[in-house]
Amino acid sequence: MNSRSNMSHKLHSAFWRVVVGCIGLYPTLLIVLSLLGPLTRNLSFPLMVLVEVVVLVPVTQLVSFPLAGWLVSRLRRIA
């Protein structure tokens, strides 16, 4: 039974990591890609993706994901 409980906990944790990722990534993508669109429009596709990734990764890792994690933890306490 302990194995089943451990597996359930792992699935529950994975689910909430995915939720935090979606909440953190989606609005960040919308904002950053909208802002970078005019600047990257005339670049080749690989260069455009490189510029977007260089901007997106720090923003998501340092701002969006911690903020989304905080928000989800607050929502989980309320529910």
C-alpha atoms as a PDB file:
ATOM      1  CA  MET A   1       0.000   0.000   0.000  1.00  0.00           C
ATOM      2  CA  ASN A   2       2.911   2.360   0.698  1.00  0.00           C
ATOM      3  CA  SER A   3       4.068   1.972  -2.899  1.00  0.00           C
ATOM      4  CA  ARG A   4       0.635   3.000  -4.170  1.00  0.00           C
ATOM      5  CA  SER A   5       0.601   6.040  -1.880  1.00  0.00           C
ATOM      6  CA  ASN A   6       4.097   7.017  -3.025  1.00  0.00           C
ATOM      7  CA  MET A   7       3.069   6.710  -6.690  1.00  0.00           C
ATOM      8  CA  SER A   8      -0.061   8.772  -6.058  1.00  0.00           C
ATOM      9  CA  HIS A   9       2.047  11.475  -4.395  1.00  0.00           C
ATOM     10  CA  LYS A  10       4.456  11.524  -7.354  1.00  0.00           C
ATOM     11  CA  LEU A  11       1.596  11.864  -9.844  1.00  0.00           C
ATOM     12  CA  HIS A  12       0.004  14.609  -7.766  1.00  0.00           C
ATOM     13  CA  SER A  13       3.314  16.491  -7.577  1.00  0.00           C
ATOM     14  CA  ALA A  14       3.906  16.088 -11.307  1.00  0.00           C
ATOM     15  CA  PHE A  15       0.421  17.375 -12.049  1.00  0.00           C
ATOM     16  CA  TRP A  16       0.995  20.527 -10.011  1.00  0.00           C
ATOM     17  CA  ARG A  17       4.401  21.096 -11.648  1.00  0.00           C
ATOM     18  CA  VAL A  18       2.676  20.977 -15.035  1.00  0.00           C
ATOM     19  CA  VAL A  19      -0.012  23.399 -13.819  1.00  0.00           C
ATOM     20  CA  VAL A  20       2.641  25.824 -12.555  1.00  0.00           C
ATOM     21  CA  GLY A  21       4.501  25.496 -15.858  1.00  0.00           C
ATOM     22  CA  CYS A  22       1.406  26.253 -17.908  1.00  0.00           C
ATOM     23  CA  ILE A  23       0.375  29.187 -15.743  1.00  0.00           C
ATOM     24  CA  GLY A  24       3.911  30.560 -15.859  1.00  0.00           C
ATOM     25  CA  LEU A  25       4.674  29.922 -19.500  1.00  0.00           C
ATOM     26  CA  TYR A  26       1.504  30.828 -21.387  1.00  0.00           C
ATOM     27  CA  PRO A  27       1.192  34.504 -20.409  1.00  0.00           C
ATOM     28  CA  THR A  28       4.962  34.943 -20.649  1.00  0.00           C
ATOM     29  CA  LEU A  29       4.967  33.572 -24.184  1.00  0.00           C
ATOM     30  CA  LEU A  30       2.124  35.849 -25.196  1.00  0.00           C
ATOM     31  CA  ILE A  31       3.818  38.950 -23.836  1.00  0.00           C
ATOM     32  CA  VAL A  32       7.383  38.239 -24.967  1.00  0.00           C
ATOM     33  CA  LEU A  33       6.462  37.023 -28.441  1.00  0.00           C
ATOM     34  CA  SER A  34       4.165  40.014 -28.935  1.00  0.00           C
ATOM     35  CA  LEU A  35       6.917  42.406 -27.903  1.00  0.00           C
ATOM     36  CA  LEU A  36       9.640  40.677 -29.914  1.00  0.00           C
ATOM     37  CA  GLY A  37       7.504  40.164 -33.022  1.00  0.00           C
ATOM     38  CA  PRO A  38       8.355  43.472 -34.689  1.00  0.00           C
ATOM     39  CA  LEU A  39      12.055  43.013 -33.872  1.00  0.00           C
ATOM     40  CA  THR A  40      12.367  39.413 -35.068  1.00  0.00           C
ATOM     41  CA  ARG A  41       9.987  39.539 -38.043  1.00  0.00           C
ATOM     42  CA  ASN A  42      12.739  39.921 -40.653  1.00  0.00           C
ATOM     43  CA  LEU A  43      15.159  37.422 -39.120  1.00  0.00           C
ATOM     44  CA  SER A  44      15.623  33.878 -40.351  1.00  0.00           C
ATOM     45  CA  PHE A  45      13.569  31.333 -38.448  1.00  0.00           C
ATOM     46  CA  PRO A  46      16.527  29.816 -36.510  1.00  0.00           C
ATOM     47  CA  LEU A  47      17.789  33.267 -35.499  1.00  0.00           C
ATOM     48  CA  MET A  48      14.284  34.385 -34.541  1.00  0.00           C
ATOM     49  CA  VAL A  49      13.869  31.323 -32.308  1.00  0.00           C
ATOM     50  CA  LEU A  50      17.307  31.886 -30.775  1.00  0.00           C
ATOM     51  CA  VAL A  51      16.473  35.497 -29.840  1.00  0.00           C
ATOM     52  CA  GLU A  52      13.119  34.462 -28.391  1.00  0.00           C
ATOM     53  CA  VAL A  53      14.655  31.639 -26.344  1.00  0.00           C
ATOM     54  CA  VAL A  54      17.421  33.908 -25.022  1.00  0.00           C
ATOM     55  CA  VAL A  55      14.721  36.257 -23.738  1.00  0.00           C
ATOM     56  CA  LEU A  56      12.141  33.660 -22.660  1.00  0.00           C
ATOM     57  CA  VAL A  57      14.319  31.344 -20.596  1.00  0.00           C
ATOM     58  CA  PRO A  58      15.540  33.903 -18.050  1.00  0.00           C
ATOM     59  CA  VAL A  59      12.125  35.542 -17.791  1.00  0.00           C
ATOM     60  CA  THR A  60      10.333  32.247 -17.207  1.00  0.00           C
ATOM     61  CA  GLN A  61      12.929  30.816 -14.824  1.00  0.00           C
ATOM     62  CA  LEU A  62      13.486  33.940 -12.749  1.00  0.00           C
ATOM     63  CA  VAL A  63      10.069  35.616 -12.818  1.00  0.00           C
ATOM     64  CA  SER A  64       7.173  33.650 -14.284  1.00  0.00           C
ATOM     65  CA  PHE A  65       7.664  30.208 -12.738  1.00  0.00           C
ATOM     66  CA  PRO A  66       8.327  31.481  -9.193  1.00  0.00           C
ATOM     67  CA  LEU A  67       5.324  33.788  -9.466  1.00  0.00           C
ATOM     68  CA  ALA A  68       3.127  31.002 -10.837  1.00  0.00           C
ATOM     69  CA  GLY A  69       4.338  28.649  -8.086  1.00  0.00           C
ATOM     70  CA  TRP A  70       3.439  31.221  -5.465  1.00  0.00           C
ATOM     71  CA  LEU A  71       0.012  31.742  -7.037  1.00  0.00           C
ATOM     72  CA  VAL A  72      -0.754  28.011  -7.255  1.00  0.00           C
ATOM     73  CA  SER A  73       0.339  27.459  -3.647  1.00  0.00           C
ATOM     74  CA  ARG A  74      -2.016  30.232  -2.543  1.00  0.00           C
ATOM     75  CA  LEU A  75      -4.872  28.788  -4.588  1.00  0.00           C
ATOM     76  CA  ARG A  76      -4.250  25.286  -3.193  1.00  0.00           C
ATOM     77  CA  ARG A  77      -4.485  26.640   0.374  1.00  0.00           C
ATOM     78  CA  ILE A  78      -7.813  28.317  -0.377  1.00  0.00           C
ATOM     79  CA  ALA A  79      -9.331  25.255  -2.080  1.00  0.00           C
END
